[in-house]
Protein backbone atom coordinates (compact mmCIF):
# COMPACT_ATOMS: atom_id res chain seq x y z
CA MET A 1 -42.16 -4.05 67.66
CA SER A 2 -44.92 -3.16 70.11
CA PHE A 3 -45.39 0.43 71.22
CA LYS A 4 -45.84 1.13 74.93
CA ILE A 5 -47.21 4.32 76.47
CA ARG A 6 -45.09 5.24 79.47
CA ARG A 7 -46.85 6.76 82.44
CA ASP A 8 -45.94 10.05 84.14
CA CYS A 9 -44.56 11.47 80.89
CA PHE A 10 -47.28 13.80 79.72
CA TYR A 11 -47.96 17.22 81.20
CA LYS A 12 -49.93 20.32 80.42
CA GLY A 13 -49.45 23.76 81.94
CA TYR A 14 -48.36 27.28 81.09
CA ILE A 15 -45.24 29.42 80.65
CA ALA A 16 -44.32 31.30 83.82
CA GLY A 17 -45.14 35.00 83.49
CA PHE A 18 -47.35 34.62 80.42
CA PRO A 19 -51.03 34.29 81.36
CA ASN A 20 -53.20 32.39 78.87
CA SER A 21 -50.23 30.52 77.41
CA VAL A 22 -50.53 26.76 76.98
CA VAL A 23 -47.80 24.11 77.19
CA THR A 24 -48.22 20.46 76.26
CA LEU A 25 -45.08 18.37 76.85
CA SER A 26 -43.76 14.86 77.00
CA THR A 27 -40.86 14.69 79.49
CA CYS A 28 -39.68 11.14 78.85
CA SER A 29 -36.47 10.95 76.79
CA GLY A 30 -36.17 14.72 76.72
CA LEU A 31 -38.74 17.46 76.28
CA ARG A 32 -41.01 17.22 73.27
CA GLY A 33 -44.16 19.23 72.65
CA ILE A 34 -45.77 22.58 71.85
CA LEU A 35 -45.57 25.97 73.59
CA GLN A 36 -48.44 28.28 72.63
CA LEU A 37 -48.48 31.99 73.37
CA LYS A 38 -51.24 34.38 72.33
CA ASN A 39 -50.32 34.69 68.66
CA VAL A 40 -47.36 32.39 68.15
CA SER A 41 -46.54 28.75 68.77
CA TYR A 42 -43.19 27.03 69.27
CA GLY A 43 -42.17 23.41 69.04
CA ILE A 44 -39.53 21.88 71.26
CA GLU A 45 -37.68 18.61 70.80
CA PRO A 46 -34.39 17.12 72.03
CA LEU A 47 -31.23 17.29 69.97
CA ASP A 48 -30.06 13.69 69.76
CA SER A 49 -26.68 14.46 68.26
CA THR A 50 -25.46 16.86 70.96
CA PRO A 51 -24.07 16.11 74.40
CA GLY A 52 -26.02 17.20 77.46
CA PHE A 53 -29.66 18.08 77.90
CA GLN A 54 -29.94 20.39 74.87
CA HIS A 55 -33.12 21.09 72.96
CA LEU A 56 -34.20 22.81 69.76
CA VAL A 57 -36.97 25.42 70.00
CA TYR A 58 -38.48 26.55 66.69
CA GLN A 59 -41.46 28.62 65.63
CA ILE A 60 -44.39 26.72 64.17
CA TRP A 61 -46.09 28.52 61.31
CA ASN A 62 -49.83 28.29 60.68
CA GLU A 63 -49.59 25.69 57.95
CA ASN A 64 -47.65 23.37 60.30
CA ILE A 65 -49.90 23.58 63.32
CA GLU A 66 -53.26 23.33 61.63
CA SER A 67 -53.29 19.54 61.58
CA LEU A 68 -52.08 19.38 65.19
CA LEU A 69 -54.36 21.95 66.77
CA TYR A 70 -57.54 21.78 64.73
CA SER A 71 -60.56 20.91 66.81
CA ARG A 72 -62.79 18.46 65.00
CA TYR A 73 -66.54 18.44 65.45
CA LEU A 74 -68.79 15.42 65.12
CA GLU A 75 -72.46 16.40 64.82
CA MET A 76 -74.76 13.60 65.93
CA HIS A 77 -78.50 13.20 65.34
CA VAL A 78 -80.12 10.72 67.74
CA ILE A 79 -83.49 9.03 67.37
CA LEU A 80 -85.27 7.07 70.11
CA ASP A 81 -87.84 4.50 69.06
CA LYS A 82 -91.28 4.43 70.66
CA ILE A 83 -90.78 1.35 72.85
CA LEU A 84 -87.49 2.59 74.32
CA GLN A 85 -89.22 5.66 75.76
CA TYR A 86 -91.47 3.42 77.85
CA TYR A 87 -89.17 0.56 78.80
CA SER A 88 -86.03 2.49 79.69
CA ALA A 89 -85.19 2.34 83.38
CA TYR A 90 -83.94 5.94 83.06
CA ASN A 91 -85.42 9.24 82.08
CA VAL A 92 -84.97 9.76 78.34
CA ILE A 93 -82.69 12.75 78.87
CA ASP A 94 -80.61 10.69 81.31
CA LEU A 95 -80.27 8.05 78.62
CA VAL A 96 -78.92 10.54 76.06
CA PHE A 97 -76.88 12.53 78.60
CA PRO A 98 -73.77 10.27 78.36
CA LEU A 99 -73.40 11.38 74.75
CA LEU A 100 -72.73 14.92 75.98
CA HIS A 101 -69.89 13.74 78.21
CA PHE A 102 -67.64 12.03 75.69
CA GLN A 103 -64.49 13.42 77.33
CA MET A 104 -62.86 10.16 76.25
CA PHE A 105 -62.68 11.63 72.72
CA THR A 106 -60.55 14.56 73.94
CA PRO A 107 -57.22 12.84 72.99
CA LEU A 108 -58.51 12.82 69.41
CA ASN A 109 -59.07 16.59 69.69
CA MET A 110 -62.72 15.98 68.88
CA ILE A 111 -65.89 17.55 70.25
CA ILE A 112 -69.08 15.48 70.10
CA VAL A 113 -72.10 17.71 69.45
CA LEU A 114 -75.63 16.39 69.88
CA SER A 115 -77.07 18.54 67.10
CA SER A 116 -80.64 17.26 67.36
CA LEU A 117 -82.79 14.70 69.18
CA GLU A 118 -85.85 13.01 67.66
CA PHE A 119 -88.58 10.97 69.38
CA TRP A 120 -90.76 8.50 67.54
CA ALA A 121 -93.62 9.09 69.98
CA ASP A 122 -96.66 7.88 68.03
CA SER A 123 -95.17 5.06 65.99
CA ASN A 124 -91.83 3.90 64.65
CA LYS A 125 -91.00 5.16 61.17
CA ILE A 126 -89.47 1.82 60.17
CA PRO A 127 -89.82 -1.78 61.45
CA THR A 128 -87.30 -2.25 64.27
CA THR A 129 -87.29 -6.05 64.29
CA GLY A 130 -84.49 -8.35 63.12
CA GLU A 131 -80.77 -8.44 63.75
CA ALA A 132 -78.76 -5.25 64.20
CA ASP A 133 -77.22 -5.35 60.71
CA GLU A 134 -80.63 -5.76 59.06
CA LEU A 135 -82.05 -2.90 61.09
CA LEU A 136 -79.07 -0.73 60.14
CA GLN A 137 -79.75 -1.21 56.43
CA ARG A 138 -83.41 -0.18 56.86
CA PHE A 139 -82.45 2.80 59.01
CA LEU A 140 -79.89 4.08 56.48
CA GLN A 141 -82.43 3.88 53.66
CA TRP A 142 -84.91 5.90 55.75
CA LYS A 143 -82.22 8.37 56.92
CA ASN A 144 -80.97 9.14 53.41
CA ILE A 145 -84.50 10.15 52.39
CA HIS A 146 -85.88 11.90 55.48
CA LEU A 147 -82.81 13.52 57.11
CA ILE A 148 -81.31 15.23 54.06
CA LEU A 149 -82.11 18.71 55.40
CA ARG A 150 -81.11 17.89 58.99
CA PRO A 151 -77.47 18.99 59.68
CA HIS A 152 -75.51 16.01 61.01
CA ASP A 153 -72.40 13.94 60.39
CA ILE A 154 -73.87 10.71 61.69
CA ALA A 155 -77.32 9.57 62.85
CA TYR A 156 -78.06 6.91 65.48
CA LEU A 157 -81.20 4.97 66.19
CA PHE A 158 -81.60 3.75 69.77
CA VAL A 159 -83.91 0.74 70.00
CA TYR A 160 -85.15 -1.26 72.99
CA ARG A 161 -84.59 -5.05 73.00
CA ASP A 162 -85.13 -7.57 75.79
CA GLN A 163 -82.30 -9.94 74.90
CA PRO A 164 -80.52 -8.95 71.68
CA ASN A 165 -77.81 -11.10 70.11
CA TYR A 166 -75.80 -7.99 69.24
CA VAL A 167 -75.65 -4.58 70.93
CA GLY A 168 -75.34 -2.47 67.77
CA ALA A 169 -74.08 -2.05 64.22
CA SER A 170 -72.31 0.56 62.08
CA PHE A 171 -70.08 0.71 58.99
CA ALA A 172 -66.36 0.83 59.82
CA GLY A 173 -64.51 3.91 58.54
CA LYS A 174 -67.52 5.31 56.64
CA LEU A 175 -68.39 8.27 58.88
CA CYS A 176 -68.15 10.95 56.18
CA LEU A 177 -69.92 8.94 53.47
CA ARG A 178 -73.56 10.04 53.58
CA ASN A 179 -75.03 6.71 52.52
CA TYR A 180 -73.20 4.88 55.33
CA SER A 181 -73.05 7.49 58.13
CA GLY A 182 -75.39 5.85 60.59
CA GLY A 183 -75.61 3.33 63.37
CA VAL A 184 -78.07 1.47 65.57
CA ALA A 185 -77.63 0.73 69.27
CA LEU A 186 -79.78 -1.83 71.06
CA TYR A 187 -80.59 -0.97 74.65
CA GLN A 188 -81.47 -3.55 77.34
CA ARG A 189 -83.28 -2.66 80.54
CA THR A 190 -80.61 -4.42 82.64
CA ILE A 191 -77.54 -2.50 81.40
CA THR A 192 -76.18 0.62 83.06
CA LEU A 193 -75.77 4.04 81.50
CA GLU A 194 -72.00 3.57 81.70
CA THR A 195 -72.22 0.39 79.64
CA PHE A 196 -74.52 2.01 77.09
CA SER A 197 -72.18 5.01 76.71
CA VAL A 198 -69.26 2.62 76.04
CA ILE A 199 -71.33 0.85 73.39
CA ILE A 200 -72.00 4.19 71.66
CA ALA A 201 -68.31 5.16 71.98
CA GLN A 202 -67.27 1.89 70.36
CA LEU A 203 -69.76 2.32 67.52
CA LEU A 204 -68.46 5.84 66.96
CA GLY A 205 -64.90 4.55 67.08
CA LEU A 206 -65.65 1.99 64.38
CA SER A 207 -67.16 4.69 62.16
CA LEU A 208 -63.95 6.73 62.69
CA GLY A 209 -61.85 3.88 61.36
CA ILE A 210 -60.76 2.65 64.81
CA ALA A 211 -60.53 -1.13 65.13
CA TYR A 212 -60.96 -3.27 68.24
CA ASP A 213 -57.87 -3.76 70.41
CA ASP A 214 -58.42 -7.41 71.34
CA SER A 215 -55.99 -8.93 68.85
CA ARG A 216 -53.36 -6.19 69.20
CA ASP A 217 -50.76 -5.27 71.80
CA CYS A 218 -52.18 -1.91 72.86
CA GLN A 219 -51.76 0.32 75.90
CA CYS A 220 -53.88 3.13 77.33
CA SER A 221 -53.90 5.42 80.37
CA GLY A 222 -57.31 4.26 81.59
CA TYR A 223 -58.26 1.22 83.63
CA THR A 224 -59.62 -0.30 80.42
CA CYS A 225 -59.06 0.64 76.79
CA ILE A 226 -62.28 1.83 75.11
CA MET A 227 -61.96 -0.32 72.00
CA HIS A 228 -61.46 -3.56 73.89
CA THR A 229 -64.56 -5.75 73.95
CA LYS A 230 -64.32 -6.20 77.72
CA ALA A 231 -64.78 -2.41 78.20
CA VAL A 232 -68.58 -2.80 78.11
CA HIS A 233 -68.36 -5.05 81.19
CA SER A 234 -65.85 -2.89 83.12
CA SER A 235 -66.22 0.04 85.48
CA GLY A 236 -63.71 2.82 86.01
CA THR A 237 -61.81 5.17 83.72
CA LYS A 238 -61.51 4.30 80.07
CA ALA A 239 -59.32 5.80 77.37
CA PHE A 240 -58.35 5.27 73.78
CA SER A 241 -55.21 3.19 73.33
CA ASN A 242 -52.14 4.04 71.28
CA CYS A 243 -53.49 1.65 68.64
CA SER A 244 -56.78 3.57 68.49
CA ILE A 245 -55.01 6.91 68.15
CA ASP A 246 -52.86 5.52 65.32
CA ASP A 247 -55.99 4.23 63.57
CA PHE A 248 -57.67 7.62 63.86
CA GLN A 249 -54.59 9.47 62.60
CA SER A 250 -54.55 7.19 59.56
CA PHE A 251 -58.26 7.87 59.04
CA ILE A 252 -57.60 11.63 59.00
CA ALA A 253 -54.38 11.38 56.96
CA ASN A 254 -56.21 9.42 54.26
CA GLY A 255 -58.70 12.25 53.86
CA GLU A 256 -61.63 10.27 55.23
CA GLY A 257 -62.51 12.75 57.99
CA GLU A 258 -63.21 15.94 56.05
CA CYS A 259 -66.77 16.22 57.43
CA LEU A 260 -65.30 16.73 60.91
CA LEU A 261 -63.62 20.04 60.04
CA ASN A 262 -66.72 22.22 59.74
CA LYS A 263 -67.59 23.92 63.01
CA PRO A 264 -71.33 23.56 63.62
CA TYR A 265 -73.60 26.51 64.26
CA LEU A 266 -75.28 25.89 67.60
CA ASN A 267 -78.60 27.58 68.23
CA ALA A 268 -79.61 27.36 71.88
CA SER A 269 -83.28 27.37 70.91
CA TYR A 270 -82.95 23.83 69.64
CA ARG A 271 -81.77 22.31 72.92
CA ALA A 272 -81.98 22.90 76.62
CA PRO A 273 -78.86 23.95 78.55
CA VAL A 274 -76.89 21.02 79.91
CA CYS A 275 -74.58 21.69 82.86
CA GLY A 276 -71.42 19.67 82.50
CA ASN A 277 -70.82 19.78 78.74
CA LYS A 278 -68.10 22.49 78.95
CA ILE A 279 -70.27 24.88 76.92
CA VAL A 280 -71.55 28.00 78.70
CA GLU A 281 -75.25 28.14 77.88
CA GLN A 282 -78.26 30.18 78.92
CA GLY A 283 -78.64 30.35 82.69
CA GLU A 284 -75.04 29.21 83.39
CA ASP A 285 -72.25 31.40 84.77
CA CYS A 286 -69.64 28.93 83.57
CA ASP A 287 -69.26 25.24 82.71
CA CYS A 288 -66.17 23.32 83.81
CA GLY A 289 -67.43 19.86 82.84
CA THR A 290 -67.95 16.88 85.08
CA ARG A 291 -67.74 16.95 88.86
CA LYS A 292 -64.22 15.52 88.61
CA ASP A 293 -63.19 18.16 86.03
CA CYS A 294 -64.50 20.93 88.29
CA LEU A 295 -62.67 19.67 91.36
CA TRP A 296 -59.56 21.67 90.45
CA ASP A 297 -61.26 24.56 88.66
CA GLN A 298 -60.66 27.73 90.68
CA CYS A 299 -63.40 29.70 88.92
CA CYS A 300 -66.37 27.41 88.40
CA ARG A 301 -68.38 24.96 90.51
CA HIS A 302 -69.78 21.69 89.25
CA ASP A 303 -73.29 23.23 89.26
CA CYS A 304 -72.13 25.75 86.62
CA LYS A 305 -72.05 28.68 89.07
CA PHE A 306 -69.09 30.94 89.87
CA ARG A 307 -67.08 30.32 93.01
CA ARG A 308 -67.02 33.13 95.57
CA ASP A 309 -65.01 36.31 95.11
CA ILE A 310 -63.87 35.75 91.55
CA LYS A 311 -62.83 38.87 89.65
CA CYS A 312 -62.91 37.67 86.06
CA LEU A 313 -63.33 34.63 83.87
CA THR A 314 -61.56 35.41 80.60
CA GLY A 315 -59.17 38.02 79.24
CA ASP A 316 -55.47 38.56 78.64
CA CYS A 317 -55.09 39.97 82.16
CA CYS A 318 -57.20 37.33 83.88
CA TRP A 319 -55.49 34.32 85.44
CA LYS A 320 -57.28 31.80 87.61
CA CYS A 321 -60.22 34.19 88.01
CA ARG A 322 -58.06 37.01 89.38
CA PHE A 323 -56.63 40.12 87.78
CA VAL A 324 -52.91 39.67 87.19
CA ARG A 325 -50.51 42.12 88.79
CA SER A 326 -50.11 45.58 87.35
CA GLY A 327 -47.15 45.62 85.00
CA THR A 328 -47.62 42.06 83.72
CA LEU A 329 -46.89 41.86 80.01
CA CYS A 330 -50.12 41.26 78.10
CA ARG A 331 -49.16 42.18 74.56
CA SER A 332 -45.60 41.87 73.34
CA THR A 333 -44.26 43.87 70.44
CA SER A 334 -43.89 42.57 66.92
CA GLU A 335 -40.13 43.12 67.37
CA ASP A 336 -40.49 46.32 65.37
CA GLU A 337 -39.04 49.52 66.76
CA CYS A 338 -42.29 51.33 65.97
CA ASP A 339 -44.46 49.00 68.04
CA LEU A 340 -44.98 49.46 71.80
CA ILE A 341 -45.46 46.95 74.59
CA GLU A 342 -48.67 46.94 76.64
CA TYR A 343 -49.11 45.81 80.25
CA CYS A 344 -52.00 44.85 82.49
CA ASN A 345 -53.15 47.61 84.86
CA GLY A 346 -54.16 45.28 87.70
CA THR A 347 -57.80 46.37 87.71
CA SER A 348 -59.11 44.93 84.46
CA ALA A 349 -59.25 41.50 82.84
CA HIS A 350 -58.39 42.95 79.47
CA CYS A 351 -55.16 44.30 78.06
CA THR A 352 -54.97 47.99 77.33
CA PRO A 353 -55.58 48.89 73.65
CA ASP A 354 -52.78 48.35 71.17
CA PHE A 355 -50.55 51.41 70.84
CA TRP A 356 -47.65 52.22 68.56
CA VAL A 357 -45.12 54.99 67.95
CA MET A 358 -46.69 58.05 66.35
CA ASP A 359 -46.85 57.89 62.55
CA GLY A 360 -43.99 59.84 61.01
CA HIS A 361 -41.46 59.20 63.79
CA PRO A 362 -38.02 58.51 62.23
CA CYS A 363 -36.82 54.90 62.37
CA ASN A 364 -34.28 52.56 60.82
CA ARG A 365 -31.48 55.00 61.66
CA ASN A 366 -33.45 57.97 60.31
CA THR A 367 -33.89 56.42 56.87
CA ALA A 368 -37.58 55.54 57.23
CA TYR A 369 -40.77 56.50 59.06
CA CYS A 370 -43.03 54.68 61.51
CA PHE A 371 -46.45 53.95 60.05
CA LYS A 372 -49.22 52.05 61.88
CA GLY A 373 -46.70 50.47 64.25
CA VAL A 374 -44.24 49.36 61.57
CA CYS A 375 -40.96 50.83 60.43
CA GLN A 376 -41.93 50.26 56.85
CA THR A 377 -39.22 49.81 54.22
CA ALA A 378 -39.11 48.13 50.83
CA ASP A 379 -35.97 46.31 51.98
CA LYS A 380 -38.00 44.71 54.78
CA GLN A 381 -40.65 43.53 52.30
CA CYS A 382 -37.97 42.02 50.10
CA ARG A 383 -36.20 40.24 52.96
CA LYS A 384 -39.46 38.70 54.11
CA LEU A 385 -40.05 37.22 50.66
CA PHE A 386 -36.63 36.41 49.29
CA GLY A 387 -34.36 36.10 52.31
CA LYS A 388 -32.07 38.21 54.45
CA ALA A 389 -29.64 38.93 51.61
CA SER A 390 -32.33 40.51 49.43
CA LYS A 391 -33.09 44.22 49.28
CA SER A 392 -35.20 46.63 47.27
CA GLY A 393 -34.21 46.92 43.62
CA SER A 394 -32.57 49.93 42.05
CA LEU A 395 -34.61 52.68 40.38
CA ALA A 396 -33.62 51.12 37.05
CA CYS A 397 -35.17 47.81 38.18
CA TYR A 398 -38.45 49.53 39.11
CA GLU A 399 -38.44 51.41 35.81
CA GLU A 400 -37.87 48.20 33.84
CA ILE A 401 -40.76 46.32 35.51
CA ASN A 402 -43.25 48.97 36.65
CA GLY A 403 -43.09 50.80 33.35
CA GLN A 404 -45.04 48.00 31.67
CA LYS A 405 -48.65 48.66 32.84
CA ASP A 406 -49.58 45.00 32.92
CA ARG A 407 -50.01 42.35 35.59
CA MET A 408 -46.23 42.01 35.82
CA GLY A 409 -45.62 45.69 36.63
CA HIS A 410 -48.04 48.48 37.51
CA CYS A 411 -49.08 51.03 40.14
CA GLY A 412 -52.26 49.36 41.32
CA SER A 413 -55.48 48.47 39.56
CA THR A 414 -59.18 49.24 39.35
CA GLN A 415 -62.11 47.42 37.81
CA ALA A 416 -61.01 48.96 34.50
CA GLY A 417 -57.53 47.41 34.63
CA TYR A 418 -53.95 48.08 35.70
CA GLN A 419 -52.75 51.65 36.38
CA THR A 420 -49.76 53.24 34.71
CA CYS A 421 -46.93 54.40 36.95
CA GLU A 422 -45.81 57.99 36.57
CA TRP A 423 -42.05 58.29 36.80
CA LYS A 424 -42.16 59.72 40.35
CA ASP A 425 -44.35 56.81 41.48
CA LEU A 426 -42.28 53.93 40.08
CA GLN A 427 -41.02 52.89 43.52
CA CYS A 428 -44.55 52.90 44.94
CA GLY A 429 -46.02 50.39 42.52
CA LYS A 430 -45.21 46.72 42.39
CA LEU A 431 -42.42 45.67 44.75
CA VAL A 432 -39.21 44.90 42.86
CA CYS A 433 -36.29 43.29 44.70
CA GLN A 434 -32.71 42.32 44.02
CA TYR A 435 -32.58 38.54 43.99
CA PRO A 436 -29.53 37.28 45.93
CA SER A 437 -29.52 33.63 44.85
CA HIS A 438 -28.47 31.71 41.74
CA ARG A 439 -31.21 29.13 42.27
CA PRO A 440 -34.74 29.56 40.90
CA PHE A 441 -37.27 30.92 43.39
CA ILE A 442 -39.96 28.31 44.07
CA LYS A 443 -41.21 29.08 47.59
CA GLU A 444 -44.39 30.94 46.60
CA LYS A 445 -47.32 29.76 44.50
CA ALA A 446 -46.91 32.56 42.00
CA ALA A 447 -45.46 33.40 38.62
CA VAL A 448 -41.88 34.68 38.97
CA ILE A 449 -40.65 37.61 36.88
CA TYR A 450 -36.89 38.08 36.49
CA ALA A 451 -35.12 41.00 34.82
CA ARG A 452 -31.37 41.54 34.38
CA VAL A 453 -30.71 45.29 34.77
CA HIS A 454 -27.20 46.79 35.04
CA ASN A 455 -25.71 43.47 36.22
CA SER A 456 -28.39 43.11 38.91
CA LEU A 457 -30.99 40.35 38.89
CA CYS A 458 -34.36 41.94 39.66
CA ILE A 459 -37.36 39.87 40.74
CA THR A 460 -41.06 40.29 41.43
CA LEU A 461 -44.04 37.93 41.71
CA ASP A 462 -47.47 37.70 40.14
CA TYR A 463 -50.06 35.85 42.22
CA LEU A 464 -52.42 35.61 39.23
CA LYS A 465 -55.25 37.43 41.00
CA GLY A 466 -56.44 39.67 38.17
CA PRO A 467 -56.92 43.45 38.25
CA GLN A 468 -60.12 43.19 40.34
CA VAL A 469 -58.11 41.96 43.34
CA LYS A 470 -55.46 44.11 45.04
CA ASP A 471 -52.00 42.81 44.19
CA PRO A 472 -50.26 41.54 47.37
CA MET A 473 -46.91 42.53 45.84
CA LEU A 474 -47.61 46.26 45.94
CA VAL A 475 -45.22 48.45 47.93
CA LYS A 476 -46.80 49.13 51.33
CA ASP A 477 -48.04 52.54 52.44
CA GLY A 478 -45.50 54.48 54.51
CA THR A 479 -42.49 53.27 52.50
CA VAL A 480 -39.89 55.94 51.70
CA CYS A 481 -39.74 56.88 48.00
CA GLY A 482 -37.45 59.90 48.20
CA LYS A 483 -36.21 62.60 50.54
CA GLN A 484 -39.09 63.34 52.93
CA LYS A 485 -41.35 61.42 50.57
CA ILE A 486 -43.48 58.34 51.25
CA CYS A 487 -45.76 56.03 49.29
CA MET A 488 -49.50 56.32 49.92
CA ASN A 489 -51.96 54.44 47.70
CA GLN A 490 -49.19 53.77 45.15
CA LYS A 491 -48.41 57.48 44.85
CA CYS A 492 -45.18 59.12 46.05
CA GLY A 493 -46.05 62.19 48.11
CA ASP A 494 -44.87 64.45 50.91
CA ALA A 495 -44.24 62.75 54.27
CA ALA A 496 -46.02 65.69 55.93
CA VAL A 497 -49.25 63.82 55.20
CA LEU A 498 -48.47 61.73 58.31
CA LYS A 499 -48.93 64.88 60.46
CA TYR A 500 -46.07 64.07 62.82
CA ASN A 501 -45.93 66.77 65.50
CA CYS A 502 -43.93 65.32 68.40
CA ASP A 503 -40.79 67.00 69.69
CA THR A 504 -39.47 64.20 71.89
CA LYS A 505 -36.89 66.43 73.56
CA LYS A 506 -39.46 68.97 74.74
CA LYS A 507 -42.50 66.77 75.25
CA CYS A 508 -40.82 63.62 76.60
CA ASN A 509 -37.57 65.14 77.89
CA ASP A 510 -35.62 62.94 75.48
CA HIS A 511 -36.54 59.85 77.54
CA GLY A 512 -39.37 58.50 75.41
CA VAL A 513 -41.36 58.74 72.21
CA CYS A 514 -44.91 59.84 71.41
CA ASN A 515 -47.49 57.12 70.83
CA ASN A 516 -50.35 57.24 68.35
CA ARG A 517 -52.45 59.19 70.89
CA GLY A 518 -49.78 61.85 71.22
CA ASN A 519 -48.78 60.82 74.75
CA CYS A 520 -45.24 60.03 75.85
CA HIS A 521 -44.26 56.38 76.11
CA CYS A 522 -41.32 56.52 78.51
CA LYS A 523 -38.25 54.35 78.61
CA ALA A 524 -37.69 52.12 81.62
CA GLY A 525 -36.59 54.25 84.56
CA TRP A 526 -38.76 57.24 83.69
CA VAL A 527 -42.29 58.07 84.77
CA PRO A 528 -45.19 59.15 82.51
CA PRO A 529 -46.72 61.44 81.48
CA ASP A 530 -43.65 63.54 80.53
CA CYS A 531 -40.74 61.15 81.30
CA LYS A 532 -39.21 63.89 83.42
CA ALA A 533 -39.01 62.18 86.79
CA SER A 534 -36.85 59.10 87.24
CA SER A 535 -37.70 56.20 89.50
CA LYS A 536 -36.71 52.62 90.09
CA GLY A 537 -37.91 51.43 86.77
CA TYR A 538 -41.37 52.68 85.84
CA GLY A 539 -41.93 53.13 82.13
CA GLY A 540 -44.68 53.00 79.54
CA SER A 541 -47.38 55.61 79.12
CA ILE A 542 -50.60 56.75 80.71
CA ASP A 543 -52.32 54.69 77.99
CA SER A 544 -50.41 51.41 78.12
CA SER A 545 -50.05 51.15 81.93
CA PHE A 546 -46.78 51.36 83.85
CA ARG A 547 -43.93 48.91 83.77
CA LYS A 548 -41.98 47.90 86.84
CA VAL A 549 -38.34 46.92 86.96
CA SER A 550 -39.29 43.59 88.48
CA PHE A 551 -40.82 42.68 85.12
CA LEU A 552 -37.74 43.49 83.08
CA ARG A 553 -36.12 40.17 83.79
CA ARG A 554 -38.27 37.15 83.02
CA THR A 555 -37.43 33.50 83.07
CA VAL A 556 -38.29 31.08 80.28
CA SER A 557 -39.01 28.29 82.72
CA VAL A 558 -42.11 26.23 82.05
CA LEU A 559 -44.57 25.78 84.88
CA LEU A 560 -45.85 22.24 84.61
CA ILE A 561 -49.02 20.90 86.16
CA SER A 562 -49.65 17.22 86.47
CA PRO A 563 -52.36 16.18 84.00
CA PRO A 564 -55.60 14.56 85.13
CA MET A 565 -54.55 11.11 83.92
CA GLU A 566 -55.01 9.45 87.29
CA ALA A 567 -57.80 9.83 89.84
CA VAL A 568 -55.45 11.57 92.25
CA PRO A 569 -55.07 15.25 93.27
CA TYR A 570 -52.67 17.49 91.38
CA PRO A 571 -49.21 17.66 92.93
CA GLU A 572 -47.77 21.01 93.86
CA SER A 573 -46.72 23.04 90.87
CA PHE A 574 -43.01 23.01 90.16
CA LEU A 575 -40.56 24.76 87.85
CA LEU A 576 -38.58 22.71 85.39
CA PRO A 577 -35.61 24.61 83.96
CA PHE A 578 -34.06 23.38 80.75
CA SER A 579 -31.31 24.25 78.31
CA VAL A 580 -32.51 25.25 74.84
CA LEU A 581 -31.08 26.24 71.49
CA PHE A 582 -33.17 28.69 69.47
CA LEU A 583 -33.37 28.31 65.72
CA HIS A 584 -33.38 31.75 64.06
């Protein structure tokens, strides 16, 4: 069955009301894609088994999104032979410049970096005669001896030929194998820079395990698919086909692209700034890419200079080079009652500093204390590890495990070894939980310790780190270990150490709480600094900016912008509402 790419399906944009968010969606046969906020990502896909236009939205954890969102970097070393420097119809830099504009590799989430450029000015280091495959063998032998200390993933030799039989040579799918990571490209005076850049792109594609499209039923969004042999004779937009993308995904999935994962260190002293490569370099205000890329950029011109009257370029409170309105959410809470929301102030590109409820403020229905923005409890630690039905173990469980003074149970460690728990500190040592399931726990890469105590199944984990490394299973600071007692550094002590001194009734008129600076953070409807005066919805603090009622109700609509797939202007932005089901 042949696979067809349907047009007008793919969009990129942002979530309305959330500056700096990113949305990438396919809208054909339902919504399918990724919604990225500042520190969390969600996937969305249609529910096939339900009636109506219903979708599933689920959080994507780091281990799931790495393979999707990783940028890959291909470092290229280019050498020009002596004759090419004289016979080229273009300036040498103009000849290499197309390499810096490989936007066609963007669908592969790959950045091409010209790490170094070498000129054989006096004489060629190797004979450059013969067919392309013969020359490639000689070049690889030379490269593997003389370029060992030169950082690169692949090296190319550009050679001038009057009438070559072949335009280049490289080893297919061998990019990350040092003995094969090279190529030669034969340049003719009569060809255009566009043709030469396609030749290089095809050679790179072959090294990345991408085959030619000629004998396959492939589709692409460009006028011509890059890996079709006729692409070198065609003008207009070019793009990788669905076949090429499948080939590249197989190349990565088979572990053949590991050399592309290291991000190169770029030192500007080794190369001159190049306007148009989407990298802001010395002497540039900004860099939006090619003239076509910059056409719709509201901040940057194609000559790498700012447009008039811009206020900002980056920042949580900067959107399209303007400060967002005062009261716009710029940092959401961690959904913890001890964390506070911050808003943009309308005069800065950056969010106000992160604030939280003052340490020592009662939380969790007066059974715990706020500490560093978290209502810290041992129950919460247990639920995070072992599920919602888990909770902190009984004192007998802690005594059974933390009374051992070994890697399985202890009150911390030093270079000398594990520390013994005094009886009062048992609940501040290694976290011990009640295990709610009858099935073995296998979700963590750790040794599992079970103990049956008074008809309760107690559990803890050992991550096999050794006493020199802090045990990640230790009870966290700020956890209650008795009446007006908290754990600090695996010792149970007086909660007065938190120095809580806020009387919310007197200081904040019972309409707010004190933040970590000692200032009132008012509830919606009350005005800082003392939460005494009411208004139509101002809240927050003098530190975290004010919050307006108009921001209390936000839509979850996605603002979609037509992607630059066609050489046509963007259509007007539009809102696309949809029905979703959230997976908790």
